[in-house]
Amino acid sequence: MAQNIKRDRFIKIAEARTNKILDMLRLLGNCSEKSNYEYNEEDVRQIFSVLEREIKNTRSRFSGGSDSTEKFTLRRI
């Protein structure tokens, strides 16, 4: 029975957190509007590089890897 409680808790939390991340990614996509924002290809590369790296780190944690605490900032021009 304890296994079912842990499984149910995982499902509840994992679904909520995944949906929150998806919502945030959609909001990030709104930054692509050139009529509202100014950015260059290097900015885009930096954003997706850090996102891809963090996805790899998170996947690794499910296989016993270590935690990462990297913060993201864009370089000012």
PDB file of N, CA and C in Angstrom:
ATOM      1  N   MET A   1       0.811  -1.190   0.000  1.00  0.00           N
ATOM      2  CA  MET A   1       0.000   0.000   0.000  1.00  0.00           C
ATOM      3  C   MET A   1       0.860   1.262   0.000  1.00  0.00           C
ATOM      4  N   ALA A   2       1.981   1.253   0.712  1.00  0.00           N
ATOM      5  CA  ALA A   2       2.874   2.405   0.743  1.00  0.00           C
ATOM      6  C   ALA A   2       3.403   2.706  -0.658  1.00  0.00           C
ATOM      7  N   GLN A   3       3.632   1.660  -1.476  1.00  0.00           N
ATOM      8  CA  GLN A   3       4.090   1.849  -2.846  1.00  0.00           C
ATOM      9  C   GLN A   3       3.058   2.640  -3.652  1.00  0.00           C
ATOM     10  N   ASN A   4       1.782   2.310  -3.469  1.00  0.00           N
ATOM     11  CA  ASN A   4       0.733   3.015  -4.201  1.00  0.00           C
ATOM     12  C   ASN A   4       0.680   4.485  -3.802  1.00  0.00           C
ATOM     13  N   ILE A   5       0.891   4.773  -2.536  1.00  0.00           N
ATOM     14  CA  ILE A   5       0.888   6.161  -2.071  1.00  0.00           C
ATOM     15  C   ILE A   5       2.050   6.922  -2.699  1.00  0.00           C
ATOM     16  N   LYS A   6       3.221   6.297  -2.713  1.00  0.00           N
ATOM     17  CA  LYS A   6       4.392   6.941  -3.322  1.00  0.00           C
ATOM     18  C   LYS A   6       4.173   7.141  -4.817  1.00  0.00           C
ATOM     19  N   ARG A   7       3.608   6.144  -5.468  1.00  0.00           N
ATOM     20  CA  ARG A   7       3.336   6.236  -6.917  1.00  0.00           C
ATOM     21  C   ARG A   7       2.323   7.335  -7.204  1.00  0.00           C
ATOM     22  N   ASP A   8       1.255   7.368  -6.434  1.00  0.00           N
ATOM     23  CA  ASP A   8       0.232   8.402  -6.621  1.00  0.00           C
ATOM     24  C   ASP A   8       0.806   9.793  -6.395  1.00  0.00           C
ATOM     25  N   ARG A   9       1.646   9.932  -5.367  1.00  0.00           N
ATOM     26  CA  ARG A   9       2.272  11.220  -5.073  1.00  0.00           C
ATOM     27  C   ARG A   9       3.203  11.636  -6.222  1.00  0.00           C
ATOM     28  N   PHE A  10       3.974  10.670  -6.747  1.00  0.00           N
ATOM     29  CA  PHE A  10       4.857  10.952  -7.879  1.00  0.00           C
ATOM     30  C   PHE A  10       4.052  11.424  -9.081  1.00  0.00           C
ATOM     31  N   ILE A  11       2.989  10.714  -9.406  1.00  0.00           N
ATOM     32  CA  ILE A  11       2.164  11.080 -10.560  1.00  0.00           C
ATOM     33  C   ILE A  11       1.613  12.491 -10.397  1.00  0.00           C
ATOM     34  N   LYS A  12       1.081  12.787  -9.239  1.00  0.00           N
ATOM     35  CA  LYS A  12       0.497  14.100  -8.985  1.00  0.00           C
ATOM     36  C   LYS A  12       1.543  15.215  -9.142  1.00  0.00           C
ATOM     37  N   ILE A  13       2.681  15.046  -8.492  1.00  0.00           N
ATOM     38  CA  ILE A  13       3.731  16.069  -8.519  1.00  0.00           C
ATOM     39  C   ILE A  13       4.372  16.154  -9.906  1.00  0.00           C
ATOM     40  N   ALA A  14       4.701  15.006 -10.507  1.00  0.00           N
ATOM     41  CA  ALA A  14       5.368  15.001 -11.815  1.00  0.00           C
ATOM     42  C   ALA A  14       4.480  15.635 -12.894  1.00  0.00           C
ATOM     43  N   GLU A  15       3.187  15.330 -12.877  1.00  0.00           N
ATOM     44  CA  GLU A  15       2.281  15.935 -13.850  1.00  0.00           C
ATOM     45  C   GLU A  15       2.208  17.448 -13.660  1.00  0.00           C
ATOM     46  N   ALA A  16       2.060  17.894 -12.420  1.00  0.00           N
ATOM     47  CA  ALA A  16       1.948  19.328 -12.150  1.00  0.00           C
ATOM     48  C   ALA A  16       3.220  20.059 -12.554  1.00  0.00           C
ATOM     49  N   ARG A  17       4.371  19.508 -12.200  1.00  0.00           N
ATOM     50  CA  ARG A  17       5.641  20.173 -12.521  1.00  0.00           C
ATOM     51  C   ARG A  17       5.917  20.159 -14.018  1.00  0.00           C
ATOM     52  N   THR A  18       5.608  19.057 -14.691  1.00  0.00           N
ATOM     53  CA  THR A  18       5.812  18.978 -16.135  1.00  0.00           C
ATOM     54  C   THR A  18       4.918  19.982 -16.847  1.00  0.00           C
ATOM     55  N   ASN A  19       3.659  20.072 -16.435  1.00  0.00           N
ATOM     56  CA  ASN A  19       2.753  21.040 -17.057  1.00  0.00           C
ATOM     57  C   ASN A  19       3.194  22.469 -16.797  1.00  0.00           C
ATOM     58  N   LYS A  20       3.750  22.738 -15.627  1.00  0.00           N
ATOM     59  CA  LYS A  20       4.266  24.070 -15.318  1.00  0.00           C
ATOM     60  C   LYS A  20       5.439  24.414 -16.236  1.00  0.00           C
ATOM     61  N   ILE A  21       6.328  23.456 -16.453  1.00  0.00           N
ATOM     62  CA  ILE A  21       7.465  23.657 -17.349  1.00  0.00           C
ATOM     63  C   ILE A  21       6.975  23.901 -18.776  1.00  0.00           C
ATOM     64  N   LEU A  22       6.006  23.118 -19.229  1.00  0.00           N
ATOM     65  CA  LEU A  22       5.456  23.308 -20.571  1.00  0.00           C
ATOM     66  C   LEU A  22       4.848  24.699 -20.723  1.00  0.00           C
ATOM     67  N   ASP A  23       4.125  25.156 -19.717  1.00  0.00           N
ATOM     68  CA  ASP A  23       3.551  26.507 -19.748  1.00  0.00           C
ATOM     69  C   ASP A  23       4.658  27.559 -19.832  1.00  0.00           C
ATOM     70  N   MET A  24       5.721  27.377 -19.054  1.00  0.00           N
ATOM     71  CA  MET A  24       6.825  28.334 -19.068  1.00  0.00           C
ATOM     72  C   MET A  24       7.538  28.339 -20.415  1.00  0.00           C
ATOM     73  N   LEU A  25       7.687  27.169 -21.044  1.00  0.00           N
ATOM     74  CA  LEU A  25       8.301  27.103 -22.365  1.00  0.00           C
ATOM     75  C   LEU A  25       7.444  27.839 -23.388  1.00  0.00           C
ATOM     76  N   ARG A  26       6.134  27.698 -23.273  1.00  0.00           N
ATOM     77  CA  ARG A  26       5.242  28.431 -24.178  1.00  0.00           C
ATOM     78  C   ARG A  26       5.377  29.934 -23.969  1.00  0.00           C
ATOM     79  N   LEU A  27       5.499  30.355 -22.714  1.00  0.00           N
ATOM     80  CA  LEU A  27       5.709  31.775 -22.436  1.00  0.00           C
ATOM     81  C   LEU A  27       7.042  32.255 -22.992  1.00  0.00           C
ATOM     82  N   LEU A  28       8.081  31.430 -22.870  1.00  0.00           N
ATOM     83  CA  LEU A  28       9.374  31.778 -23.443  1.00  0.00           C
ATOM     84  C   LEU A  28       9.235  31.956 -24.953  1.00  0.00           C
ATOM     85  N   GLY A  29       8.449  31.109 -25.576  1.00  0.00           N
ATOM     86  CA  GLY A  29       8.210  31.222 -27.015  1.00  0.00           C
ATOM     87  C   GLY A  29       7.619  32.563 -27.402  1.00  0.00           C
ATOM     88  N   ASN A  30       6.871  33.182 -26.498  1.00  0.00           N
ATOM     89  CA  ASN A  30       6.316  34.503 -26.772  1.00  0.00           C
ATOM     90  C   ASN A  30       7.418  35.543 -26.981  1.00  0.00           C
ATOM     91  N   CYS A  31       8.593  35.303 -26.429  1.00  0.00           N
ATOM     92  CA  CYS A  31       9.720  36.231 -26.596  1.00  0.00           C
ATOM     93  C   CYS A  31      10.234  36.248 -28.034  1.00  0.00           C
ATOM     94  N   SER A  32       9.755  35.344 -28.863  1.00  0.00           N
ATOM     95  CA  SER A  32      10.222  35.283 -30.248  1.00  0.00           C
ATOM     96  C   SER A  32       9.585  36.358 -31.125  1.00  0.00           C
ATOM     97  N   GLU A  33       8.628  37.099 -30.614  1.00  0.00           N
ATOM     98  CA  GLU A  33       7.956  38.150 -31.377  1.00  0.00           C
ATOM     99  C   GLU A  33       8.907  39.323 -31.628  1.00  0.00           C
ATOM    100  N   LYS A  34       9.436  39.390 -32.833  1.00  0.00           N
ATOM    101  CA  LYS A  34      10.398  40.445 -33.195  1.00  0.00           C
ATOM    102  C   LYS A  34       9.785  41.843 -33.100  1.00  0.00           C
ATOM    103  N   SER A  35       8.470  41.937 -33.194  1.00  0.00           N
ATOM    104  CA  SER A  35       7.839  43.258 -33.096  1.00  0.00           C
ATOM    105  C   SER A  35       7.857  43.785 -31.661  1.00  0.00           C
ATOM    106  N   ASN A  36       8.059  42.897 -30.687  1.00  0.00           N
ATOM    107  CA  ASN A  36       8.080  43.297 -29.276  1.00  0.00           C
ATOM    108  C   ASN A  36       9.453  43.232 -28.626  1.00  0.00           C
ATOM    109  N   TYR A  37      10.345  42.410 -29.173  1.00  0.00           N
ATOM    110  CA  TYR A  37      11.632  42.155 -28.527  1.00  0.00           C
ATOM    111  C   TYR A  37      12.762  42.210 -29.550  1.00  0.00           C
ATOM    112  N   GLU A  38      13.952  42.503 -29.045  1.00  0.00           N
ATOM    113  CA  GLU A  38      15.141  42.488 -29.885  1.00  0.00           C
ATOM    114  C   GLU A  38      16.100  41.437 -29.338  1.00  0.00           C
ATOM    115  N   TYR A  39      16.506  40.522 -30.191  1.00  0.00           N
ATOM    116  CA  TYR A  39      17.443  39.465 -29.802  1.00  0.00           C
ATOM    117  C   TYR A  39      18.215  39.039 -31.034  1.00  0.00           C
ATOM    118  N   ASN A  40      19.294  38.308 -30.787  1.00  0.00           N
ATOM    119  CA  ASN A  40      20.087  37.808 -31.903  1.00  0.00           C
ATOM    120  C   ASN A  40      20.233  36.289 -31.791  1.00  0.00           C
ATOM    121  N   GLU A  41      20.860  35.714 -32.791  1.00  0.00           N
ATOM    122  CA  GLU A  41      21.022  34.250 -32.824  1.00  0.00           C
ATOM    123  C   GLU A  41      21.848  33.733 -31.650  1.00  0.00           C
ATOM    124  N   GLU A  42      22.806  34.518 -31.197  1.00  0.00           N
ATOM    125  CA  GLU A  42      23.615  34.104 -30.037  1.00  0.00           C
ATOM    126  C   GLU A  42      22.737  34.015 -28.786  1.00  0.00           C
ATOM    127  N   ASP A  43      21.822  34.947 -28.609  1.00  0.00           N
ATOM    128  CA  ASP A  43      20.891  34.884 -27.477  1.00  0.00           C
ATOM    129  C   ASP A  43      20.074  33.591 -27.536  1.00  0.00           C
ATOM    130  N   VAL A  44      19.556  33.283 -28.709  1.00  0.00           N
ATOM    131  CA  VAL A  44      18.744  32.072 -28.903  1.00  0.00           C
ATOM    132  C   VAL A  44      19.595  30.830 -28.620  1.00  0.00           C
ATOM    133  N   ARG A  45      20.835  30.834 -29.128  1.00  0.00           N
ATOM    134  CA  ARG A  45      21.734  29.694 -28.892  1.00  0.00           C
ATOM    135  C   ARG A  45      21.974  29.491 -27.403  1.00  0.00           C
ATOM    136  N   GLN A  46      22.221  30.586 -26.678  1.00  0.00           N
ATOM    137  CA  GLN A  46      22.464  30.497 -25.236  1.00  0.00           C
ATOM    138  C   GLN A  46      21.251  29.929 -24.500  1.00  0.00           C
ATOM    139  N   ILE A  47      20.079  30.422 -24.842  1.00  0.00           N
ATOM    140  CA  ILE A  47      18.851  29.964 -24.180  1.00  0.00           C
ATOM    141  C   ILE A  47      18.670  28.463 -24.379  1.00  0.00           C
ATOM    142  N   PHE A  48      18.739  28.018 -25.633  1.00  0.00           N
ATOM    143  CA  PHE A  48      18.473  26.605 -25.896  1.00  0.00           C
ATOM    144  C   PHE A  48      19.607  25.701 -25.446  1.00  0.00           C
ATOM    145  N   SER A  49      20.811  26.224 -25.405  1.00  0.00           N
ATOM    146  CA  SER A  49      21.931  25.448 -24.890  1.00  0.00           C
ATOM    147  C   SER A  49      21.725  25.129 -23.403  1.00  0.00           C
ATOM    148  N   VAL A  50      21.365  26.144 -22.622  1.00  0.00           N
ATOM    149  CA  VAL A  50      21.169  25.917 -21.187  1.00  0.00           C
ATOM    150  C   VAL A  50      19.935  25.035 -20.934  1.00  0.00           C
ATOM    151  N   LEU A  51      18.886  25.196 -21.722  1.00  0.00           N
ATOM    152  CA  LEU A  51      17.703  24.347 -21.557  1.00  0.00           C
ATOM    153  C   LEU A  51      18.027  22.885 -21.869  1.00  0.00           C
ATOM    154  N   GLU A  52      18.722  22.665 -22.967  1.00  0.00           N
ATOM    155  CA  GLU A  52      19.088  21.298 -23.341  1.00  0.00           C
ATOM    156  C   GLU A  52      20.013  20.663 -22.304  1.00  0.00           C
ATOM    157  N   ARG A  53      20.952  21.441 -21.793  1.00  0.00           N
ATOM    158  CA  ARG A  53      21.873  20.929 -20.773  1.00  0.00           C
ATOM    159  C   ARG A  53      21.099  20.550 -19.503  1.00  0.00           C
ATOM    160  N   GLU A  54      20.159  21.382 -19.107  1.00  0.00           N
ATOM    161  CA  GLU A  54      19.394  21.100 -17.895  1.00  0.00           C
ATOM    162  C   GLU A  54      18.481  19.896 -18.078  1.00  0.00           C
ATOM    163  N   ILE A  55      17.932  19.704 -19.254  1.00  0.00           N
ATOM    164  CA  ILE A  55      17.126  18.508 -19.524  1.00  0.00           C
ATOM    165  C   ILE A  55      17.997  17.262 -19.395  1.00  0.00           C
ATOM    166  N   LYS A  56      19.208  17.308 -19.936  1.00  0.00           N
ATOM    167  CA  LYS A  56      20.129  16.167 -19.803  1.00  0.00           C
ATOM    168  C   LYS A  56      20.467  15.906 -18.344  1.00  0.00           C
ATOM    169  N   ASN A  57      20.737  16.981 -17.577  1.00  0.00           N
ATOM    170  CA  ASN A  57      21.056  16.818 -16.156  1.00  0.00           C
ATOM    171  C   ASN A  57      19.879  16.226 -15.384  1.00  0.00           C
ATOM    172  N   THR A  58      18.691  16.684 -15.694  1.00  0.00           N
ATOM    173  CA  THR A  58      17.500  16.177 -15.001  1.00  0.00           C
ATOM    174  C   THR A  58      17.268  14.711 -15.333  1.00  0.00           C
ATOM    175  N   ARG A  59      17.413  14.345 -16.601  1.00  0.00           N
ATOM    176  CA  ARG A  59      17.267  12.934 -16.993  1.00  0.00           C
ATOM    177  C   ARG A  59      18.301  12.080 -16.258  1.00  0.00           C
ATOM    178  N   SER A  60      19.522  12.583 -16.144  1.00  0.00           N
ATOM    179  CA  SER A  60      20.598  11.873 -15.456  1.00  0.00           C
ATOM    180  C   SER A  60      20.239  11.607 -13.989  1.00  0.00           C
ATOM    181  N   ARG A  61      19.568  12.544 -13.347  1.00  0.00           N
ATOM    182  CA  ARG A  61      19.190  12.371 -11.940  1.00  0.00           C
ATOM    183  C   ARG A  61      18.261  11.174 -11.755  1.00  0.00           C
ATOM    184  N   PHE A  62      17.444  10.859 -12.757  1.00  0.00           N
ATOM    185  CA  PHE A  62      16.567   9.696 -12.678  1.00  0.00           C
ATOM    186  C   PHE A  62      17.359   8.392 -12.781  1.00  0.00           C
ATOM    187  N   SER A  63      18.614   8.494 -13.203  1.00  0.00           N
ATOM    188  CA  SER A  63      19.495   7.324 -13.269  1.00  0.00           C
ATOM    189  C   SER A  63      20.580   7.382 -12.207  1.00  0.00           C
ATOM    190  N   GLY A  64      20.393   8.219 -11.193  1.00  0.00           N
ATOM    191  CA  GLY A  64      21.344   8.285 -10.090  1.00  0.00           C
ATOM    192  C   GLY A  64      22.417   9.343 -10.239  1.00  0.00           C
ATOM    193  N   GLY A  65      22.269  10.244 -11.219  1.00  0.00           N
ATOM    194  CA  GLY A  65      23.248  11.311 -11.409  1.00  0.00           C
ATOM    195  C   GLY A  65      23.122  12.382 -10.339  1.00  0.00           C
ATOM    196  N   SER A  66      24.007  13.363 -10.399  1.00  0.00           N
ATOM    197  CA  SER A  66      24.026  14.410  -9.380  1.00  0.00           C
ATOM    198  C   SER A  66      23.184  15.618  -9.802  1.00  0.00           C
ATOM    199  N   ASP A  67      22.905  16.473  -8.827  1.00  0.00           N
ATOM    200  CA  ASP A  67      22.076  17.661  -9.010  1.00  0.00           C
ATOM    201  C   ASP A  67      22.898  18.816  -9.586  1.00  0.00           C
ATOM    202  N   SER A  68      22.236  19.715 -10.312  1.00  0.00           N
ATOM    203  CA  SER A  68      22.871  20.904 -10.867  1.00  0.00           C
ATOM    204  C   SER A  68      22.139  22.135 -10.347  1.00  0.00           C
ATOM    205  N   THR A  69      22.882  23.219 -10.083  1.00  0.00           N
ATOM    206  CA  THR A  69      22.259  24.437  -9.570  1.00  0.00           C
ATOM    207  C   THR A  69      22.619  25.644 -10.426  1.00  0.00           C
ATOM    208  N   GLU A  70      22.766  25.440 -11.704  1.00  0.00           N
ATOM    209  CA  GLU A  70      23.154  26.508 -12.619  1.00  0.00           C
ATOM    210  C   GLU A  70      22.026  27.531 -12.763  1.00  0.00           C
ATOM    211  N   LYS A  71      22.388  28.808 -12.760  1.00  0.00           N
ATOM    212  CA  LYS A  71      21.457  29.899 -13.031  1.00  0.00           C
ATOM    213  C   LYS A  71      21.777  30.473 -14.404  1.00  0.00           C
ATOM    214  N   PHE A  72      20.779  30.954 -15.104  1.00  0.00           N
ATOM    215  CA  PHE A  72      20.954  31.452 -16.444  1.00  0.00           C
ATOM    216  C   PHE A  72      20.889  32.973 -16.501  1.00  0.00           C
ATOM    217  N   THR A  73      21.813  33.572 -17.225  1.00  0.00           N
ATOM    218  CA  THR A  73      21.762  35.003 -17.533  1.00  0.00           C
ATOM    219  C   THR A  73      22.276  35.194 -18.957  1.00  0.00           C
ATOM    220  N   LEU A  74      21.657  36.119 -19.663  1.00  0.00           N
ATOM    221  CA  LEU A  74      22.146  36.486 -20.983  1.00  0.00           C
ATOM    222  C   LEU A  74      23.206  37.551 -20.840  1.00  0.00           C
ATOM    223  N   ARG A  75      24.124  37.559 -21.763  1.00  0.00           N
ATOM    224  CA  ARG A  75      25.157  38.600 -21.736  1.00  0.00           C
ATOM    225  C   ARG A  75      24.580  39.882 -22.296  1.00  0.00           C
ATOM    226  N   ARG A  76      24.848  40.979 -21.625  1.00  0.00           N
ATOM    227  CA  ARG A  76      24.402  42.301 -22.102  1.00  0.00           C
ATOM    228  C   ARG A  76      25.307  42.756 -23.230  1.00  0.00           C
ATOM    229  N   ILE A  77      24.760  43.442 -24.188  1.00  0.00           N
ATOM    230  CA  ILE A  77      25.541  43.947 -25.334  1.00  0.00           C
ATOM    231  C   ILE A  77      26.050  45.332 -24.992  1.00  0.00           C
TER     232      ILE A  77
END
